[in-house]
Structure formats: structure tokens, C-alpha cells
Amino acid sequence: MANMEHIFISIKSVCMQHRLVGKIIKLFKQKGFHFVAMVFLQASEEAALQ
């Protein structure tokens, strides 16, 4: 079995607003990364202020 590493990628809301998420994912795939899960979260205002 291949040596696998896990990484965390955070995409800022400005990228979401400019609809760049697909392009960002495409760049990672071109570099040979494989996505096994994606979670879209929006922090509450209270959590963001902390």
C-alpha cells in the first residue's frame, strides 16, 4: 500500500464568492492529489470573532 498523507485545505470565502473552488480543486488534482472527502462549513459570527 502506498504511503498516504492527509492534508487540510482551507478555501477562503472570497474564493467561494468568485466561484474559484472548482479551479482550485482542479489544480490540486493536476498535481496528483486525490480527494477522499470535502466538507463545506461556514463559521458562525461568534466563532469567527474568537
PDB file of N, CA and C in Angstrom:
ATOM      1  N   MET A   1       0.849  -1.185   0.000  1.00  0.00           N
ATOM      2  CA  MET A   1       0.000   0.000   0.000  1.00  0.00           C
ATOM      3  C   MET A   1       0.888   1.239   0.000  1.00  0.00           C
ATOM      4  N   ALA A   2       0.504   2.237  -0.742  1.00  0.00           N
ATOM      5  CA  ALA A   2       1.296   3.457  -0.871  1.00  0.00           C
ATOM      6  C   ALA A   2       1.273   4.266   0.421  1.00  0.00           C
ATOM      7  N   ASN A   3       2.348   5.016   0.635  1.00  0.00           N
ATOM      8  CA  ASN A   3       2.417   5.916   1.777  1.00  0.00           C
ATOM      9  C   ASN A   3       1.464   7.086   1.517  1.00  0.00           C
ATOM     10  N   MET A   4       0.488   7.244   2.409  1.00  0.00           N
ATOM     11  CA  MET A   4      -0.512   8.294   2.199  1.00  0.00           C
ATOM     12  C   MET A   4      -0.406   9.336   3.291  1.00  0.00           C
ATOM     13  N   GLU A   5      -0.491  10.579   2.905  1.00  0.00           N
ATOM     14  CA  GLU A   5      -0.504  11.688   3.842  1.00  0.00           C
ATOM     15  C   GLU A   5      -1.861  12.366   3.764  1.00  0.00           C
ATOM     16  N   HIS A   6      -2.272  12.927   4.874  1.00  0.00           N
ATOM     17  CA  HIS A   6      -3.520  13.686   4.913  1.00  0.00           C
ATOM     18  C   HIS A   6      -3.174  15.162   5.040  1.00  0.00           C
ATOM     19  N   ILE A   7      -3.840  15.983   4.261  1.00  0.00           N
ATOM     20  CA  ILE A   7      -3.622  17.422   4.354  1.00  0.00           C
ATOM     21  C   ILE A   7      -4.966  18.113   4.519  1.00  0.00           C
ATOM     22  N   PHE A   8      -4.917  19.298   5.051  1.00  0.00           N
ATOM     23  CA  PHE A   8      -6.112  20.122   5.243  1.00  0.00           C
ATOM     24  C   PHE A   8      -5.997  21.325   4.322  1.00  0.00           C
ATOM     25  N   ILE A   9      -7.029  21.575   3.561  1.00  0.00           N
ATOM     26  CA  ILE A   9      -7.061  22.722   2.655  1.00  0.00           C
ATOM     27  C   ILE A   9      -8.225  23.612   3.074  1.00  0.00           C
ATOM     28  N   SER A  10      -7.944  24.864   3.312  1.00  0.00           N
ATOM     29  CA  SER A  10      -8.978  25.824   3.664  1.00  0.00           C
ATOM     30  C   SER A  10      -9.105  26.831   2.531  1.00  0.00           C
ATOM     31  N   ILE A  11     -10.304  26.984   2.041  1.00  0.00           N
ATOM     32  CA  ILE A  11     -10.560  27.923   0.951  1.00  0.00           C
ATOM     33  C   ILE A  11     -11.368  29.076   1.525  1.00  0.00           C
ATOM     34  N   LYS A  12     -10.844  30.269   1.406  1.00  0.00           N
ATOM     35  CA  LYS A  12     -11.492  31.440   1.995  1.00  0.00           C
ATOM     36  C   LYS A  12     -12.784  31.794   1.261  1.00  0.00           C
ATOM     37  N   SER A  13     -13.633  32.517   1.974  1.00  0.00           N
ATOM     38  CA  SER A  13     -14.950  32.852   1.427  1.00  0.00           C
ATOM     39  C   SER A  13     -14.863  33.699   0.155  1.00  0.00           C
ATOM     40  N   VAL A  14     -13.821  34.502   0.024  1.00  0.00           N
ATOM     41  CA  VAL A  14     -13.685  35.323  -1.186  1.00  0.00           C
ATOM     42  C   VAL A  14     -13.536  34.422  -2.422  1.00  0.00           C
ATOM     43  N   CYS A  15     -12.903  33.268  -2.266  1.00  0.00           N
ATOM     44  CA  CYS A  15     -12.790  32.316  -3.390  1.00  0.00           C
ATOM     45  C   CYS A  15     -14.151  31.727  -3.718  1.00  0.00           C
ATOM     46  N   MET A  16     -14.956  31.513  -2.678  1.00  0.00           N
ATOM     47  CA  MET A  16     -16.307  31.000  -2.899  1.00  0.00           C
ATOM     48  C   MET A  16     -17.133  32.049  -3.655  1.00  0.00           C
ATOM     49  N   GLN A  17     -16.992  33.312  -3.256  1.00  0.00           N
ATOM     50  CA  GLN A  17     -17.756  34.385  -3.887  1.00  0.00           C
ATOM     51  C   GLN A  17     -17.371  34.554  -5.351  1.00  0.00           C
ATOM     52  N   HIS A  18     -16.101  34.334  -5.665  1.00  0.00           N
ATOM     53  CA  HIS A  18     -15.628  34.481  -7.045  1.00  0.00           C
ATOM     54  C   HIS A  18     -15.693  33.172  -7.826  1.00  0.00           C
ATOM     55  N   ARG A  19     -16.298  32.159  -7.201  1.00  0.00           N
ATOM     56  CA  ARG A  19     -16.519  30.845  -7.832  1.00  0.00           C
ATOM     57  C   ARG A  19     -15.212  30.223  -8.334  1.00  0.00           C
ATOM     58  N   LEU A  20     -14.207  30.209  -7.463  1.00  0.00           N
ATOM     59  CA  LEU A  20     -12.899  29.666  -7.823  1.00  0.00           C
ATOM     60  C   LEU A  20     -12.640  28.282  -7.251  1.00  0.00           C
ATOM     61  N   VAL A  21     -13.589  27.742  -6.527  1.00  0.00           N
ATOM     62  CA  VAL A  21     -13.381  26.455  -5.859  1.00  0.00           C
ATOM     63  C   VAL A  21     -13.067  25.358  -6.870  1.00  0.00           C
ATOM     64  N   GLY A  22     -13.800  25.301  -7.952  1.00  0.00           N
ATOM     65  CA  GLY A  22     -13.562  24.282  -8.975  1.00  0.00           C
ATOM     66  C   GLY A  22     -12.167  24.381  -9.568  1.00  0.00           C
ATOM     67  N   LYS A  23     -11.712  25.584  -9.812  1.00  0.00           N
ATOM     68  CA  LYS A  23     -10.368  25.783 -10.359  1.00  0.00           C
ATOM     69  C   LYS A  23      -9.302  25.372  -9.354  1.00  0.00           C
ATOM     70  N   ILE A  24      -9.541  25.668  -8.084  1.00  0.00           N
ATOM     71  CA  ILE A  24      -8.582  25.298  -7.041  1.00  0.00           C
ATOM     72  C   ILE A  24      -8.494  23.777  -6.928  1.00  0.00           C
ATOM     73  N   ILE A  25      -9.636  23.104  -6.920  1.00  0.00           N
ATOM     74  CA  ILE A  25      -9.651  21.643  -6.854  1.00  0.00           C
ATOM     75  C   ILE A  25      -8.955  21.055  -8.072  1.00  0.00           C
ATOM     76  N   LYS A  26      -9.203  21.618  -9.236  1.00  0.00           N
ATOM     77  CA  LYS A  26      -8.579  21.145 -10.475  1.00  0.00           C
ATOM     78  C   LYS A  26      -7.047  21.241 -10.377  1.00  0.00           C
ATOM     79  N   LEU A  27      -6.537  22.338  -9.812  1.00  0.00           N
ATOM     80  CA  LEU A  27      -5.087  22.499  -9.659  1.00  0.00           C
ATOM     81  C   LEU A  27      -4.500  21.418  -8.753  1.00  0.00           C
ATOM     82  N   PHE A  28      -5.174  21.122  -7.660  1.00  0.00           N
ATOM     83  CA  PHE A  28      -4.691  20.070  -6.764  1.00  0.00           C
ATOM     84  C   PHE A  28      -4.707  18.709  -7.460  1.00  0.00           C
ATOM     85  N   LYS A  29      -5.757  18.415  -8.216  1.00  0.00           N
ATOM     86  CA  LYS A  29      -5.839  17.142  -8.937  1.00  0.00           C
ATOM     87  C   LYS A  29      -4.738  17.037  -9.989  1.00  0.00           C
ATOM     88  N   GLN A  30      -4.432  18.136 -10.666  1.00  0.00           N
ATOM     89  CA  GLN A  30      -3.363  18.129 -11.661  1.00  0.00           C
ATOM     90  C   GLN A  30      -2.008  17.834 -11.024  1.00  0.00           C
ATOM     91  N   LYS A  31      -1.852  18.221  -9.749  1.00  0.00           N
ATOM     92  CA  LYS A  31      -0.599  17.956  -9.023  1.00  0.00           C
ATOM     93  C   LYS A  31      -0.550  16.544  -8.468  1.00  0.00           C
ATOM     94  N   GLY A  32      -1.624  15.769  -8.669  1.00  0.00           N
ATOM     95  CA  GLY A  32      -1.623  14.370  -8.256  1.00  0.00           C
ATOM     96  C   GLY A  32      -2.320  14.087  -6.934  1.00  0.00           C
ATOM     97  N   PHE A  33      -2.982  15.072  -6.355  1.00  0.00           N
ATOM     98  CA  PHE A  33      -3.711  14.849  -5.118  1.00  0.00           C
ATOM     99  C   PHE A  33      -5.045  14.179  -5.422  1.00  0.00           C
ATOM    100  N   HIS A  34      -5.502  13.350  -4.497  1.00  0.00           N
ATOM    101  CA  HIS A  34      -6.802  12.686  -4.619  1.00  0.00           C
ATOM    102  C   HIS A  34      -7.657  13.098  -3.437  1.00  0.00           C
ATOM    103  N   PHE A  35      -8.847  13.552  -3.712  1.00  0.00           N
ATOM    104  CA  PHE A  35      -9.763  13.975  -2.654  1.00  0.00           C
ATOM    105  C   PHE A  35     -10.588  12.773  -2.214  1.00  0.00           C
ATOM    106  N   VAL A  36     -10.620  12.535  -0.922  1.00  0.00           N
ATOM    107  CA  VAL A  36     -11.450  11.455  -0.390  1.00  0.00           C
ATOM    108  C   VAL A  36     -12.648  12.005   0.372  1.00  0.00           C
ATOM    109  N   ALA A  37     -12.604  13.286   0.739  1.00  0.00           N
ATOM    110  CA  ALA A  37     -13.734  13.908   1.435  1.00  0.00           C
ATOM    111  C   ALA A  37     -13.635  15.418   1.301  1.00  0.00           C
ATOM    112  N   MET A  38     -14.796  16.057   1.311  1.00  0.00           N
ATOM    113  CA  MET A  38     -14.865  17.516   1.325  1.00  0.00           C
ATOM    114  C   MET A  38     -15.984  17.911   2.264  1.00  0.00           C
ATOM    115  N   VAL A  39     -15.731  18.950   3.020  1.00  0.00           N
ATOM    116  CA  VAL A  39     -16.740  19.472   3.930  1.00  0.00           C
ATOM    117  C   VAL A  39     -16.798  20.977   3.737  1.00  0.00           C
ATOM    118  N   PHE A  40     -17.976  21.476   3.505  1.00  0.00           N
ATOM    119  CA  PHE A  40     -18.168  22.911   3.375  1.00  0.00           C
ATOM    120  C   PHE A  40     -18.778  23.420   4.675  1.00  0.00           C
ATOM    121  N   LEU A  41     -18.058  24.277   5.353  1.00  0.00           N
ATOM    122  CA  LEU A  41     -18.508  24.824   6.629  1.00  0.00           C
ATOM    123  C   LEU A  41     -18.539  26.337   6.570  1.00  0.00           C
ATOM    124  N   GLN A  42     -19.451  26.903   7.300  1.00  0.00           N
ATOM    125  CA  GLN A  42     -19.497  28.349   7.438  1.00  0.00           C
ATOM    126  C   GLN A  42     -19.490  28.638   8.928  1.00  0.00           C
ATOM    127  N   ALA A  43     -18.453  29.315   9.386  1.00  0.00           N
ATOM    128  CA  ALA A  43     -18.322  29.621  10.805  1.00  0.00           C
ATOM    129  C   ALA A  43     -19.372  30.634  11.225  1.00  0.00           C
ATOM    130  N   SER A  44     -19.863  30.457  12.440  1.00  0.00           N
ATOM    131  CA  SER A  44     -20.791  31.448  12.972  1.00  0.00           C
ATOM    132  C   SER A  44     -20.023  32.739  13.249  1.00  0.00           C
ATOM    133  N   GLU A  45     -20.730  33.833  13.362  1.00  0.00           N
ATOM    134  CA  GLU A  45     -20.076  35.105  13.626  1.00  0.00           C
ATOM    135  C   GLU A  45     -19.309  35.051  14.951  1.00  0.00           C
ATOM    136  N   GLU A  46     -19.906  34.391  15.934  1.00  0.00           N
ATOM    137  CA  GLU A  46     -19.254  34.266  17.250  1.00  0.00           C
ATOM    138  C   GLU A  46     -17.944  33.491  17.140  1.00  0.00           C
ATOM    139  N   ALA A  47     -17.946  32.380  16.416  1.00  0.00           N
ATOM    140  CA  ALA A  47     -16.735  31.591  16.255  1.00  0.00           C
ATOM    141  C   ALA A  47     -15.679  32.349  15.468  1.00  0.00           C
ATOM    142  N   ALA A  48     -16.102  33.107  14.474  1.00  0.00           N
ATOM    143  CA  ALA A  48     -15.160  33.870  13.663  1.00  0.00           C
ATOM    144  C   ALA A  48     -14.480  34.972  14.473  1.00  0.00           C
ATOM    145  N   LEU A  49     -15.211  35.542  15.413  1.00  0.00           N
ATOM    146  CA  LEU A  49     -14.638  36.609  16.227  1.00  0.00           C
ATOM    147  C   LEU A  49     -13.609  36.093  17.231  1.00  0.00           C
ATOM    148  N   GLN A  50     -13.704  34.814  17.577  1.00  0.00           N
ATOM    149  CA  GLN A  50     -12.717  34.223  18.500  1.00  0.00           C
ATOM    150  C   GLN A  50     -11.438  34.015  17.770  1.00  0.00           C
TER     151      GLN A  50
END
